[in-house]
Amino acid sequence: MSIVDPVAKSANSNSRNRERVAGGVAKKFAIVVRIKPDGRIIRLDGRAAWVLNELVKVGKRSLTASDYPAGISLAHYILLCRKEGFLITTEREAHAGVFSGVHARYRLETPVTVLETPKAAA
């Protein structure tokens, strides 16, 4: 089974956080992690799961909205992860150019172990 691109939403889907997969069947992206050191297990679905997976992948390097296509509400999915108890720090960075300003860089500080690799979950 292939990993579903959580960015590509189905035009026919009536549900949020659903992606198109082969055969027109919509499934959610999911991840299950164990928080260290207390051992609590948390499952996230949809784009919050995708963002948590991205945070785990980049590690201490951190990520920013400019790393992804326009239209991803990264701050919202970071908020959803924080509501589940994950400590995610935010650094403000200035950027130059025609549209100069400040953007956020997010880093997962909660040590986790991925128990289920991200996949299309039923």
PDB file of N, CA and C in Angstrom:
ATOM      1  N   MET A   1       0.848  -1.172   0.000  1.00  0.00           N
ATOM      2  CA  MET A   1       0.000   0.000   0.000  1.00  0.00           C
ATOM      3  C   MET A   1       0.892   1.233   0.000  1.00  0.00           C
ATOM      4  N   SER A   2       0.552   2.234  -0.745  1.00  0.00           N
ATOM      5  CA  SER A   2       1.372   3.431  -0.832  1.00  0.00           C
ATOM      6  C   SER A   2       0.903   4.474   0.166  1.00  0.00           C
ATOM      7  N   ILE A   3       1.817   5.382   0.488  1.00  0.00           N
ATOM      8  CA  ILE A   3       1.470   6.484   1.381  1.00  0.00           C
ATOM      9  C   ILE A   3       0.675   7.503   0.587  1.00  0.00           C
ATOM     10  N   VAL A   4      -0.392   7.987   1.171  1.00  0.00           N
ATOM     11  CA  VAL A   4      -1.268   8.945   0.515  1.00  0.00           C
ATOM     12  C   VAL A   4      -0.689  10.334   0.678  1.00  0.00           C
ATOM     13  N   ASP A   5      -0.700  11.115  -0.379  1.00  0.00           N
ATOM     14  CA  ASP A   5      -0.264  12.499  -0.301  1.00  0.00           C
ATOM     15  C   ASP A   5      -1.318  13.292   0.453  1.00  0.00           C
ATOM     16  N   PRO A   6      -1.024  13.750   1.691  1.00  0.00           N
ATOM     17  CA  PRO A   6      -2.026  14.435   2.482  1.00  0.00           C
ATOM     18  C   PRO A   6      -2.351  15.829   1.967  1.00  0.00           C
ATOM     19  N   VAL A   7      -1.562  16.324   1.040  1.00  0.00           N
ATOM     20  CA  VAL A   7      -1.814  17.654   0.504  1.00  0.00           C
ATOM     21  C   VAL A   7      -2.896  17.617  -0.573  1.00  0.00           C
ATOM     22  N   ALA A   8      -2.957  16.529  -1.328  1.00  0.00           N
ATOM     23  CA  ALA A   8      -3.902  16.425  -2.438  1.00  0.00           C
ATOM     24  C   ALA A   8      -5.264  15.963  -1.935  1.00  0.00           C
ATOM     25  N   LYS A   9      -6.220  16.887  -1.863  1.00  0.00           N
ATOM     26  CA  LYS A   9      -7.556  16.535  -1.389  1.00  0.00           C
ATOM     27  C   LYS A   9      -8.439  16.157  -2.566  1.00  0.00           C
ATOM     28  N   SER A  10      -9.348  15.278  -2.314  1.00  0.00           N
ATOM     29  CA  SER A  10     -10.294  14.854  -3.328  1.00  0.00           C
ATOM     30  C   SER A  10     -11.362  15.916  -3.524  1.00  0.00           C
ATOM     31  N   ALA A  11     -11.657  16.208  -4.762  1.00  0.00           N
ATOM     32  CA  ALA A  11     -12.703  17.178  -5.061  1.00  0.00           C
ATOM     33  C   ALA A  11     -14.076  16.617  -4.719  1.00  0.00           C
ATOM     34  N   ASN A  12     -14.211  15.292  -4.687  1.00  0.00           N
ATOM     35  CA  ASN A  12     -15.496  14.665  -4.405  1.00  0.00           C
ATOM     36  C   ASN A  12     -15.698  14.345  -2.933  1.00  0.00           C
ATOM     37  N   SER A  13     -14.721  14.581  -2.094  1.00  0.00           N
ATOM     38  CA  SER A  13     -14.825  14.227  -0.684  1.00  0.00           C
ATOM     39  C   SER A  13     -15.641  15.263   0.077  1.00  0.00           C
ATOM     40  N   ASN A  14     -16.585  14.789   0.864  1.00  0.00           N
ATOM     41  CA  ASN A  14     -17.380  15.682   1.706  1.00  0.00           C
ATOM     42  C   ASN A  14     -16.769  15.844   3.077  1.00  0.00           C
ATOM     43  N   SER A  15     -15.733  15.090   3.382  1.00  0.00           N
ATOM     44  CA  SER A  15     -15.135  15.093   4.710  1.00  0.00           C
ATOM     45  C   SER A  15     -13.785  15.791   4.678  1.00  0.00           C
ATOM     46  N   ARG A  16     -13.482  16.530   5.770  1.00  0.00           N
ATOM     47  CA  ARG A  16     -12.166  17.151   5.882  1.00  0.00           C
ATOM     48  C   ARG A  16     -11.136  16.076   6.176  1.00  0.00           C
ATOM     49  N   ASN A  17      -9.876  16.363   5.864  1.00  0.00           N
ATOM     50  CA  ASN A  17      -8.756  15.464   6.115  1.00  0.00           C
ATOM     51  C   ASN A  17      -8.868  14.142   5.367  1.00  0.00           C
ATOM     52  N   ARG A  18      -9.507  14.132   4.225  1.00  0.00           N
ATOM     53  CA  ARG A  18      -9.610  12.919   3.409  1.00  0.00           C
ATOM     54  C   ARG A  18      -8.844  13.143   2.117  1.00  0.00           C
ATOM     55  N   GLU A  19      -8.195  12.085   1.640  1.00  0.00           N
ATOM     56  CA  GLU A  19      -7.417  12.168   0.416  1.00  0.00           C
ATOM     57  C   GLU A  19      -7.887  11.116  -0.573  1.00  0.00           C
ATOM     58  N   ARG A  20      -7.672  11.369  -1.878  1.00  0.00           N
ATOM     59  CA  ARG A  20      -8.062  10.408  -2.901  1.00  0.00           C
ATOM     60  C   ARG A  20      -6.986   9.328  -3.009  1.00  0.00           C
ATOM     61  N   VAL A  21      -7.435   8.095  -3.077  1.00  0.00           N
ATOM     62  CA  VAL A  21      -6.536   6.961  -3.293  1.00  0.00           C
ATOM     63  C   VAL A  21      -7.068   6.165  -4.463  1.00  0.00           C
ATOM     64  N   ALA A  22      -6.330   5.156  -4.893  1.00  0.00           N
ATOM     65  CA  ALA A  22      -6.726   4.353  -6.047  1.00  0.00           C
ATOM     66  C   ALA A  22      -8.137   3.810  -5.876  1.00  0.00           C
ATOM     67  N   GLY A  23      -8.897   3.839  -6.945  1.00  0.00           N
ATOM     68  CA  GLY A  23     -10.255   3.311  -6.920  1.00  0.00           C
ATOM     69  C   GLY A  23     -11.278   4.289  -6.373  1.00  0.00           C
ATOM     70  N   GLY A  24     -10.860   5.508  -6.037  1.00  0.00           N
ATOM     71  CA  GLY A  24     -11.802   6.505  -5.547  1.00  0.00           C
ATOM     72  C   GLY A  24     -12.191   6.346  -4.092  1.00  0.00           C
ATOM     73  N   VAL A  25     -11.573   5.413  -3.364  1.00  0.00           N
ATOM     74  CA  VAL A  25     -11.883   5.213  -1.952  1.00  0.00           C
ATOM     75  C   VAL A  25     -11.028   6.173  -1.140  1.00  0.00           C
ATOM     76  N   ALA A  26     -11.668   6.937  -0.263  1.00  0.00           N
ATOM     77  CA  ALA A  26     -10.940   7.916   0.551  1.00  0.00           C
ATOM     78  C   ALA A  26     -10.530   7.292   1.873  1.00  0.00           C
ATOM     79  N   LYS A  27      -9.274   7.515   2.266  1.00  0.00           N
ATOM     80  CA  LYS A  27      -8.770   7.038   3.543  1.00  0.00           C
ATOM     81  C   LYS A  27      -7.986   8.152   4.203  1.00  0.00           C
ATOM     82  N   LYS A  28      -7.843   8.057   5.538  1.00  0.00           N
ATOM     83  CA  LYS A  28      -7.103   9.068   6.278  1.00  0.00           C
ATOM     84  C   LYS A  28      -5.647   8.661   6.468  1.00  0.00           C
ATOM     85  N   PHE A  29      -4.805   9.658   6.542  1.00  0.00           N
ATOM     86  CA  PHE A  29      -3.396   9.481   6.883  1.00  0.00           C
ATOM     87  C   PHE A  29      -3.346   9.366   8.401  1.00  0.00           C
ATOM     88  N   ALA A  30      -2.586   8.422   8.954  1.00  0.00           N
ATOM     89  CA  ALA A  30      -2.552   8.222  10.400  1.00  0.00           C
ATOM     90  C   ALA A  30      -1.145   7.927  10.880  1.00  0.00           C
ATOM     91  N   ILE A  31      -0.878   8.260  12.152  1.00  0.00           N
ATOM     92  CA  ILE A  31       0.399   7.944  12.793  1.00  0.00           C
ATOM     93  C   ILE A  31       0.112   7.630  14.258  1.00  0.00           C
ATOM     94  N   VAL A  32       0.849   6.664  14.799  1.00  0.00           N
ATOM     95  CA  VAL A  32       0.757   6.322  16.215  1.00  0.00           C
ATOM     96  C   VAL A  32       2.150   6.468  16.794  1.00  0.00           C
ATOM     97  N   VAL A  33       2.263   7.241  17.896  1.00  0.00           N
ATOM     98  CA  VAL A  33       3.563   7.479  18.526  1.00  0.00           C
ATOM     99  C   VAL A  33       3.485   7.207  20.021  1.00  0.00           C
ATOM    100  N   ARG A  34       4.641   6.886  20.590  1.00  0.00           N
ATOM    101  CA  ARG A  34       4.776   6.764  22.043  1.00  0.00           C
ATOM    102  C   ARG A  34       5.602   7.949  22.516  1.00  0.00           C
ATOM    103  N   ILE A  35       5.068   8.662  23.485  1.00  0.00           N
ATOM    104  CA  ILE A  35       5.792   9.801  24.045  1.00  0.00           C
ATOM    105  C   ILE A  35       6.774   9.282  25.085  1.00  0.00           C
ATOM    106  N   LYS A  36       8.019   9.742  24.980  1.00  0.00           N
ATOM    107  CA  LYS A  36       9.041   9.357  25.944  1.00  0.00           C
ATOM    108  C   LYS A  36       9.090  10.426  27.039  1.00  0.00           C
ATOM    109  N   PRO A  37       9.376  10.203  28.236  1.00  0.00           N
ATOM    110  CA  PRO A  37       9.649   8.918  28.867  1.00  0.00           C
ATOM    111  C   PRO A  37       8.408   8.282  29.502  1.00  0.00           C
ATOM    112  N   ASP A  38       7.261   8.976  29.492  1.00  0.00           N
ATOM    113  CA  ASP A  38       6.092   8.450  30.226  1.00  0.00           C
ATOM    114  C   ASP A  38       5.404   7.280  29.536  1.00  0.00           C
ATOM    115  N   GLY A  39       5.645   7.074  28.243  1.00  0.00           N
ATOM    116  CA  GLY A  39       5.108   5.909  27.550  1.00  0.00           C
ATOM    117  C   GLY A  39       3.691   6.060  27.030  1.00  0.00           C
ATOM    118  N   ARG A  40       3.114   7.255  27.161  1.00  0.00           N
ATOM    119  CA  ARG A  40       1.754   7.474  26.654  1.00  0.00           C
ATOM    120  C   ARG A  40       1.733   7.290  25.139  1.00  0.00           C
ATOM    121  N   ILE A  41       0.681   6.625  24.648  1.00  0.00           N
ATOM    122  CA  ILE A  41       0.545   6.367  23.213  1.00  0.00           C
ATOM    123  C   ILE A  41      -0.549   7.267  22.649  1.00  0.00           C
ATOM    124  N   ILE A  42      -0.235   7.934  21.533  1.00  0.00           N
ATOM    125  CA  ILE A  42      -1.176   8.855  20.895  1.00  0.00           C
ATOM    126  C   ILE A  42      -1.286   8.512  19.423  1.00  0.00           C
ATOM    127  N   ARG A  43      -2.524   8.521  18.924  1.00  0.00           N
ATOM    128  CA  ARG A  43      -2.781   8.329  17.496  1.00  0.00           C
ATOM    129  C   ARG A  43      -3.358   9.631  16.952  1.00  0.00           C
ATOM    130  N   LEU A  44      -2.801  10.090  15.849  1.00  0.00           N
ATOM    131  CA  LEU A  44      -3.328  11.257  15.151  1.00  0.00           C
ATOM    132  C   LEU A  44      -3.755  10.827  13.758  1.00  0.00           C
ATOM    133  N   ASP A  45      -4.776  11.473  13.241  1.00  0.00           N
ATOM    134  CA  ASP A  45      -5.282  11.198  11.897  1.00  0.00           C
ATOM    135  C   ASP A  45      -5.245  12.465  11.058  1.00  0.00           C
ATOM    136  N   GLY A  46      -5.298  12.283   9.761  1.00  0.00           N
ATOM    137  CA  GLY A  46      -5.424  13.405   8.833  1.00  0.00           C
ATOM    138  C   GLY A  46      -4.155  14.229   8.736  1.00  0.00           C
ATOM    139  N   ARG A  47      -4.344  15.500   8.467  1.00  0.00           N
ATOM    140  CA  ARG A  47      -3.185  16.372   8.248  1.00  0.00           C
ATOM    141  C   ARG A  47      -2.386  16.633   9.510  1.00  0.00           C
ATOM    142  N   ALA A  48      -3.025  16.577  10.686  1.00  0.00           N
ATOM    143  CA  ALA A  48      -2.261  16.706  11.930  1.00  0.00           C
ATOM    144  C   ALA A  48      -1.253  15.560  12.022  1.00  0.00           C
ATOM    145  N   ALA A  49      -1.655  14.355  11.624  1.00  0.00           N
ATOM    146  CA  ALA A  49      -0.745  13.201  11.604  1.00  0.00           C
ATOM    147  C   ALA A  49       0.381  13.427  10.605  1.00  0.00           C
ATOM    148  N   TRP A  50       0.036  13.962   9.455  1.00  0.00           N
ATOM    149  CA  TRP A  50       1.044  14.232   8.430  1.00  0.00           C
ATOM    150  C   TRP A  50       2.078  15.243   8.936  1.00  0.00           C
ATOM    151  N   VAL A  51       1.602  16.321   9.595  1.00  0.00           N
ATOM    152  CA  VAL A  51       2.518  17.348  10.102  1.00  0.00           C
ATOM    153  C   VAL A  51       3.396  16.773  11.210  1.00  0.00           C
ATOM    154  N   LEU A  52       2.817  15.965  12.103  1.00  0.00           N
ATOM    155  CA  LEU A  52       3.630  15.347  13.154  1.00  0.00           C
ATOM    156  C   LEU A  52       4.702  14.457  12.521  1.00  0.00           C
ATOM    157  N   ASN A  53       4.343  13.708  11.500  1.00  0.00           N
ATOM    158  CA  ASN A  53       5.315  12.880  10.796  1.00  0.00           C
ATOM    159  C   ASN A  53       6.415  13.741  10.174  1.00  0.00           C
ATOM    160  N   GLU A  54       6.047  14.860   9.584  1.00  0.00           N
ATOM    161  CA  GLU A  54       7.045  15.769   9.000  1.00  0.00           C
ATOM    162  C   GLU A  54       7.974  16.311  10.083  1.00  0.00           C
ATOM    163  N   LEU A  55       7.426  16.667  11.247  1.00  0.00           N
ATOM    164  CA  LEU A  55       8.252  17.163  12.347  1.00  0.00           C
ATOM    165  C   LEU A  55       9.228  16.100  12.834  1.00  0.00           C
ATOM    166  N   VAL A  56       8.768  14.860  12.900  1.00  0.00           N
ATOM    167  CA  VAL A  56       9.650  13.758  13.303  1.00  0.00           C
ATOM    168  C   VAL A  56      10.755  13.572  12.267  1.00  0.00           C
ATOM    169  N   LYS A  57      10.401  13.626  10.986  1.00  0.00           N
ATOM    170  CA  LYS A  57      11.387  13.425   9.914  1.00  0.00           C
ATOM    171  C   LYS A  57      12.475  14.493   9.918  1.00  0.00           C
ATOM    172  N   VAL A  58      12.101  15.766  10.107  1.00  0.00           N
ATOM    173  CA  VAL A  58      13.104  16.833  10.036  1.00  0.00           C
ATOM    174  C   VAL A  58      13.899  16.967  11.319  1.00  0.00           C
ATOM    175  N   GLY A  59      13.374  16.459  12.424  1.00  0.00           N
ATOM    176  CA  GLY A  59      14.107  16.491  13.689  1.00  0.00           C
ATOM    177  C   GLY A  59      14.434  17.904  14.140  1.00  0.00           C
ATOM    178  N   LYS A  60      15.650  18.103  14.593  1.00  0.00           N
ATOM    179  CA  LYS A  60      16.071  19.404  15.143  1.00  0.00           C
ATOM    180  C   LYS A  60      16.224  20.487  14.074  1.00  0.00           C
ATOM    181  N   ARG A  61      16.234  20.088  12.793  1.00  0.00           N
ATOM    182  CA  ARG A  61      16.345  21.098  11.726  1.00  0.00           C
ATOM    183  C   ARG A  61      15.133  22.005  11.699  1.00  0.00           C
ATOM    184  N   SER A  62      13.971  21.485  12.053  1.00  0.00           N
ATOM    185  CA  SER A  62      12.694  22.204  12.094  1.00  0.00           C
ATOM    186  C   SER A  62      12.117  22.402  10.696  1.00  0.00           C
ATOM    187  N   LEU A  63      10.892  22.917  10.651  1.00  0.00           N
ATOM    188  CA  LEU A  63      10.244  23.165   9.364  1.00  0.00           C
ATOM    189  C   LEU A  63       9.484  24.476   9.390  1.00  0.00           C
ATOM    190  N   THR A  64       9.168  24.958   8.207  1.00  0.00           N
ATOM    191  CA  THR A  64       8.450  26.208   8.050  1.00  0.00           C
ATOM    192  C   THR A  64       7.455  26.056   6.900  1.00  0.00           C
ATOM    193  N   ALA A  65       6.438  26.900   6.891  1.00  0.00           N
ATOM    194  CA  ALA A  65       5.404  26.813   5.861  1.00  0.00           C
ATOM    195  C   ALA A  65       5.983  26.957   4.454  1.00  0.00           C
ATOM    196  N   SER A  66       7.089  27.678   4.309  1.00  0.00           N
ATOM    197  CA  SER A  66       7.678  27.860   2.978  1.00  0.00           C
ATOM    198  C   SER A  66       8.288  26.569   2.435  1.00  0.00           C
ATOM    199  N   ASP A  67       8.406  25.542   3.275  1.00  0.00           N
ATOM    200  CA  ASP A  67       8.905  24.244   2.825  1.00  0.00           C
ATOM    201  C   ASP A  67       7.844  23.457   2.060  1.00  0.00           C
ATOM    202  N   TYR A  68       6.602  23.912   2.085  1.00  0.00           N
ATOM    203  CA  TYR A  68       5.468  23.178   1.529  1.00  0.00           C
ATOM    204  C   TYR A  68       4.697  24.042   0.546  1.00  0.00           C
ATOM    205  N   PRO A  69       3.844  23.426  -0.265  1.00  0.00           N
ATOM    206  CA  PRO A  69       3.060  24.191  -1.237  1.00  0.00           C
ATOM    207  C   PRO A  69       2.146  25.215  -0.553  1.00  0.00           C
ATOM    208  N   ALA A  70       1.842  26.275  -1.267  1.00  0.00           N
ATOM    209  CA  ALA A  70       0.930  27.296  -0.743  1.00  0.00           C
ATOM    210  C   ALA A  70      -0.420  26.661  -0.437  1.00  0.00           C
ATOM    211  N   GLY A  71      -1.066  27.154   0.587  1.00  0.00           N
ATOM    212  CA  GLY A  71      -2.389  26.665   0.933  1.00  0.00           C
ATOM    213  C   GLY A  71      -2.401  25.700   2.104  1.00  0.00           C
ATOM    214  N   ILE A  72      -1.231  25.238   2.547  1.00  0.00           N
ATOM    215  CA  ILE A  72      -1.168  24.357   3.705  1.00  0.00           C
ATOM    216  C   ILE A  72      -1.250  25.233   4.949  1.00  0.00           C
ATOM    217  N   SER A  73      -2.236  24.981   5.777  1.00  0.00           N
ATOM    218  CA  SER A  73      -2.404  25.755   7.010  1.00  0.00           C
ATOM    219  C   SER A  73      -1.546  25.129   8.113  1.00  0.00           C
ATOM    220  N   LEU A  74      -0.238  25.250   7.958  1.00  0.00           N
ATOM    221  CA  LEU A  74       0.699  24.600   8.855  1.00  0.00           C
ATOM    222  C   LEU A  74       0.468  25.011  10.308  1.00  0.00           C
ATOM    223  N   ALA A  75       0.238  26.279  10.570  1.00  0.00           N
ATOM    224  CA  ALA A  75       0.030  26.750  11.946  1.00  0.00           C
ATOM    225  C   ALA A  75      -1.163  26.052  12.599  1.00  0.00           C
ATOM    226  N   HIS A  76      -2.207  25.810  11.836  1.00  0.00           N
ATOM    227  CA  HIS A  76      -3.384  25.134  12.380  1.00  0.00           C
ATOM    228  C   HIS A  76      -3.059  23.696  12.766  1.00  0.00           C
ATOM    229  N   TYR A  77      -2.334  22.980  11.927  1.00  0.00           N
ATOM    230  CA  TYR A  77      -2.005  21.594  12.223  1.00  0.00           C
ATOM    231  C   TYR A  77      -0.997  21.491  13.359  1.00  0.00           C
ATOM    232  N   ILE A  78      -0.130  22.484  13.489  1.00  0.00           N
ATOM    233  CA  ILE A  78       0.769  22.562  14.647  1.00  0.00           C
ATOM    234  C   ILE A  78      -0.074  22.730  15.908  1.00  0.00           C
ATOM    235  N   LEU A  79      -1.087  23.594  15.851  1.00  0.00           N
ATOM    236  CA  LEU A  79      -1.989  23.806  16.990  1.00  0.00           C
ATOM    237  C   LEU A  79      -2.681  22.498  17.384  1.00  0.00           C
ATOM    238  N   LEU A  80      -3.157  21.736  16.401  1.00  0.00           N
ATOM    239  CA  LEU A  80      -3.811  20.464  16.701  1.00  0.00           C
ATOM    240  C   LEU A  80      -2.852  19.500  17.409  1.00  0.00           C
ATOM    241  N   CYS A  81      -1.608  19.468  16.974  1.00  0.00           N
ATOM    242  CA  CYS A  81      -0.607  18.621  17.629  1.00  0.00           C
ATOM    243  C   CYS A  81      -0.345  19.101  19.052  1.00  0.00           C
ATOM    244  N   ARG A  82      -0.262  20.397  19.242  1.00  0.00           N
ATOM    245  CA  ARG A  82      -0.051  20.941  20.583  1.00  0.00           C
ATOM    246  C   ARG A  82      -1.213  20.591  21.511  1.00  0.00           C
ATOM    247  N   LYS A  83      -2.430  20.622  20.981  1.00  0.00           N
ATOM    248  CA  LYS A  83      -3.600  20.271  21.794  1.00  0.00           C
ATOM    249  C   LYS A  83      -3.568  18.807  22.238  1.00  0.00           C
ATOM    250  N   GLU A  84      -2.850  17.970  21.494  1.00  0.00           N
ATOM    251  CA  GLU A  84      -2.704  16.560  21.875  1.00  0.00           C
ATOM    252  C   GLU A  84      -1.579  16.363  22.887  1.00  0.00           C
ATOM    253  N   GLY A  85      -0.873  17.449  23.230  1.00  0.00           N
ATOM    254  CA  GLY A  85       0.153  17.372  24.260  1.00  0.00           C
ATOM    255  C   GLY A  85       1.585  17.422  23.777  1.00  0.00           C
ATOM    256  N   PHE A  86       1.814  17.625  22.484  1.00  0.00           N
ATOM    257  CA  PHE A  86       3.175  17.695  21.965  1.00  0.00           C
ATOM    258  C   PHE A  86       3.743  19.089  22.178  1.00  0.00           C
ATOM    259  N   LEU A  87       4.986  19.151  22.656  1.00  0.00           N
ATOM    260  CA  LEU A  87       5.674  20.421  22.818  1.00  0.00           C
ATOM    261  C   LEU A  87       6.360  20.758  21.502  1.00  0.00           C
ATOM    262  N   ILE A  88       5.890  21.829  20.875  1.00  0.00           N
ATOM    263  CA  ILE A  88       6.443  22.276  19.595  1.00  0.00           C
ATOM    264  C   ILE A  88       6.832  23.738  19.769  1.00  0.00           C
ATOM    265  N   THR A  89       8.118  24.034  19.610  1.00  0.00           N
ATOM    266  CA  THR A  89       8.579  25.410  19.763  1.00  0.00           C
ATOM    267  C   THR A  89       8.443  26.166  18.442  1.00  0.00           C
ATOM    268  N   THR A  90       8.305  27.459  18.568  1.00  0.00           N
ATOM    269  CA  THR A  90       8.181  28.340  17.405  1.00  0.00           C
ATOM    270  C   THR A  90       9.270  29.396  17.463  1.00  0.00           C
ATOM    271  N   GLU A  91      10.051  29.489  16.409  1.00  0.00           N
ATOM    272  CA  GLU A  91      11.051  30.553  16.271  1.00  0.00           C
ATOM    273  C   GLU A  91      10.574  31.486  15.171  1.00  0.00           C
ATOM    274  N   ARG A  92      10.704  32.756  15.386  1.00  0.00           N
ATOM    275  CA  ARG A  92      10.354  33.741  14.366  1.00  0.00           C
ATOM    276  C   ARG A  92      11.609  34.081  13.578  1.00  0.00           C
ATOM    277  N   GLU A  93      11.510  34.014  12.248  1.00  0.00           N
ATOM    278  CA  GLU A  93      12.637  34.316  11.361  1.00  0.00           C
ATOM    279  C   GLU A  93      12.243  35.392  10.375  1.00  0.00           C
ATOM    280  N   ALA A  94      13.135  36.338  10.180  1.00  0.00           N
ATOM    281  CA  ALA A  94      12.907  37.366   9.173  1.00  0.00           C
ATOM    282  C   ALA A  94      13.324  36.814   7.816  1.00  0.00           C
ATOM    283  N   HIS A  95      12.626  37.247   6.778  1.00  0.00           N
ATOM    284  CA  HIS A  95      13.030  36.885   5.421  1.00  0.00           C
ATOM    285  C   HIS A  95      12.943  38.133   4.545  1.00  0.00           C
ATOM    286  N   ALA A  96      13.846  38.182   3.571  1.00  0.00           N
ATOM    287  CA  ALA A  96      13.944  39.336   2.681  1.00  0.00           C
ATOM    288  C   ALA A  96      13.183  39.068   1.395  1.00  0.00           C
ATOM    289  N   GLY A  97      13.323  39.954   0.474  1.00  0.00           N
ATOM    290  CA  GLY A  97      12.692  39.781  -0.832  1.00  0.00           C
ATOM    291  C   GLY A  97      11.566  40.771  -1.033  1.00  0.00           C
ATOM    292  N   VAL A  98      10.838  40.592  -2.120  1.00  0.00           N
ATOM    293  CA  VAL A  98       9.742  41.481  -2.473  1.00  0.00           C
ATOM    294  C   VAL A  98       8.677  41.480  -1.381  1.00  0.00           C
ATOM    295  N   PHE A  99       8.408  40.314  -0.815  1.00  0.00           N
ATOM    296  CA  PHE A  99       7.410  40.180   0.244  1.00  0.00           C
ATOM    297  C   PHE A  99       8.111  39.892   1.568  1.00  0.00           C
ATOM    298  N   SER A 100       9.019  40.783   1.948  1.00  0.00           N
ATOM    299  CA  SER A 100       9.788  40.567   3.170  1.00  0.00           C
ATOM    300  C   SER A 100       8.879  40.609   4.393  1.00  0.00           C
ATOM    301  N   GLY A 101       9.327  39.947   5.433  1.00  0.00           N
ATOM    302  CA  GLY A 101       8.540  39.902   6.656  1.00  0.00           C
ATOM    303  C   GLY A 101       9.112  38.882   7.614  1.00  0.00           C
ATOM    304  N   VAL A 102       8.225  38.244   8.368  1.00  0.00           N
ATOM    305  CA  VAL A 102       8.626  37.265   9.371  1.00  0.00           C
ATOM    306  C   VAL A 102       7.802  35.998   9.168  1.00  0.00           C
ATOM    307  N   HIS A 103       8.441  34.855   9.314  1.00  0.00           N
ATOM    308  CA  HIS A 103       7.715  33.592   9.259  1.00  0.00           C
ATOM    309  C   HIS A 103       8.104  32.738  10.469  1.00  0.00           C
ATOM    310  N   ALA A 104       7.322  31.709  10.735  1.00  0.00           N
ATOM    311  CA  ALA A 104       7.569  30.830  11.882  1.00  0.00           C
ATOM    312  C   ALA A 104       8.322  29.578  11.449  1.00  0.00           C
ATOM    313  N   ARG A 105       9.193  29.114  12.326  1.00  0.00           N
ATOM    314  CA  ARG A 105       9.904  27.844  12.139  1.00  0.00           C
ATOM    315  C   ARG A 105       9.549  26.976  13.333  1.00  0.00           C
ATOM    316  N   TYR A 106       9.034  25.757  13.065  1.00  0.00           N
ATOM    317  CA  TYR A 106       8.525  24.870  14.108  1.00  0.00           C
ATOM    318  C   TYR A 106       9.465  23.696  14.340  1.00  0.00           C
ATOM    319  N   ARG A 107       9.628  23.347  15.632  1.00  0.00           N
ATOM    320  CA  ARG A 107      10.502  22.230  16.002  1.00  0.00           C
ATOM    321  C   ARG A 107       9.794  21.390  17.071  1.00  0.00           C
ATOM    322  N   LEU A 108       9.748  20.076  16.853  1.00  0.00           N
ATOM    323  CA  LEU A 108       9.164  19.154  17.824  1.00  0.00           C
ATOM    324  C   LEU A 108      10.169  18.924  18.941  1.00  0.00           C
ATOM    325  N   GLU A 109       9.795  19.276  20.163  1.00  0.00           N
ATOM    326  CA  GLU A 109      10.676  19.108  21.321  1.00  0.00           C
ATOM    327  C   GLU A 109      10.323  17.865  22.123  1.00  0.00           C
ATOM    328  N   THR A 110       9.118  17.346  21.961  1.00  0.00           N
ATOM    329  CA  THR A 110       8.699  16.146  22.675  1.00  0.00           C
ATOM    330  C   THR A 110       9.386  14.932  22.056  1.00  0.00           C
ATOM    331  N   PRO A 111      10.139  14.163  22.854  1.00  0.00           N
ATOM    332  CA  PRO A 111      10.751  12.958  22.292  1.00  0.00           C
ATOM    333  C   PRO A 111       9.681  11.887  22.073  1.00  0.00           C
ATOM    334  N   VAL A 112       9.632  11.352  20.863  1.00  0.00           N
ATOM    335  CA  VAL A 112       8.627  10.344  20.516  1.00  0.00           C
ATOM    336  C   VAL A 112       9.278   9.181  19.788  1.00  0.00           C
ATOM    337  N   THR A 113       8.603   8.039  19.858  1.00  0.00           N
ATOM    338  CA  THR A 113       8.948   6.873  19.061  1.00  0.00           C
ATOM    339  C   THR A 113       7.753   6.570  18.182  1.00  0.00           C
ATOM    340  N   VAL A 114       7.969   6.445  16.885  1.00  0.00           N
ATOM    341  CA  VAL A 114       6.883   6.133  15.964  1.00  0.00           C
ATOM    342  C   VAL A 114       6.603   4.634  16.067  1.00  0.00           C
ATOM    343  N   LEU A 115       5.353   4.290  16.438  1.00  0.00           N
ATOM    344  CA  LEU A 115       4.961   2.887  16.577  1.00  0.00           C
ATOM    345  C   LEU A 115       4.354   2.345  15.292  1.00  0.00           C
ATOM    346  N   GLU A 116       3.580   3.179  14.624  1.00  0.00           N
ATOM    347  CA  GLU A 116       3.008   2.812  13.325  1.00  0.00           C
ATOM    348  C   GLU A 116       3.486   3.833  12.329  1.00  0.00           C
ATOM    349  N   THR A 117       4.087   3.349  11.280  1.00  0.00           N
ATOM    350  CA  THR A 117       4.555   4.275  10.253  1.00  0.00           C
ATOM    351  C   THR A 117       3.348   4.901   9.583  1.00  0.00           C
ATOM    352  N   PRO A 118       3.489   6.134   9.142  1.00  0.00           N
ATOM    353  CA  PRO A 118       2.372   6.804   8.484  1.00  0.00           C
ATOM    354  C   PRO A 118       1.884   5.988   7.298  1.00  0.00           C
ATOM    355  N   LYS A 119       0.596   5.870   7.187  1.00  0.00           N
ATOM    356  CA  LYS A 119       0.003   5.092   6.107  1.00  0.00           C
ATOM    357  C   LYS A 119      -1.418   5.537   5.900  1.00  0.00           C
ATOM    358  N   ALA A 120      -2.015   5.022   4.890  1.00  0.00           N
ATOM    359  CA  ALA A 120      -3.447   5.240   4.702  1.00  0.00           C
ATOM    360  C   ALA A 120      -4.148   4.284   5.636  1.00  0.00           C
ATOM    361  N   ALA A 121      -4.882   4.826   6.598  1.00  0.00           N
ATOM    362  CA  ALA A 121      -5.561   3.986   7.589  1.00  0.00           C
ATOM    363  C   ALA A 121      -7.025   3.851   7.211  1.00  0.00           C
ATOM    364  N   ALA A 122      -7.606   2.751   7.549  1.00  0.00           N
ATOM    365  CA  ALA A 122      -9.021   2.513   7.217  1.00  0.00           C
ATOM    366  C   ALA A 122      -9.913   3.393   8.039  1.00  0.00           C
TER     367      ALA A 122
END
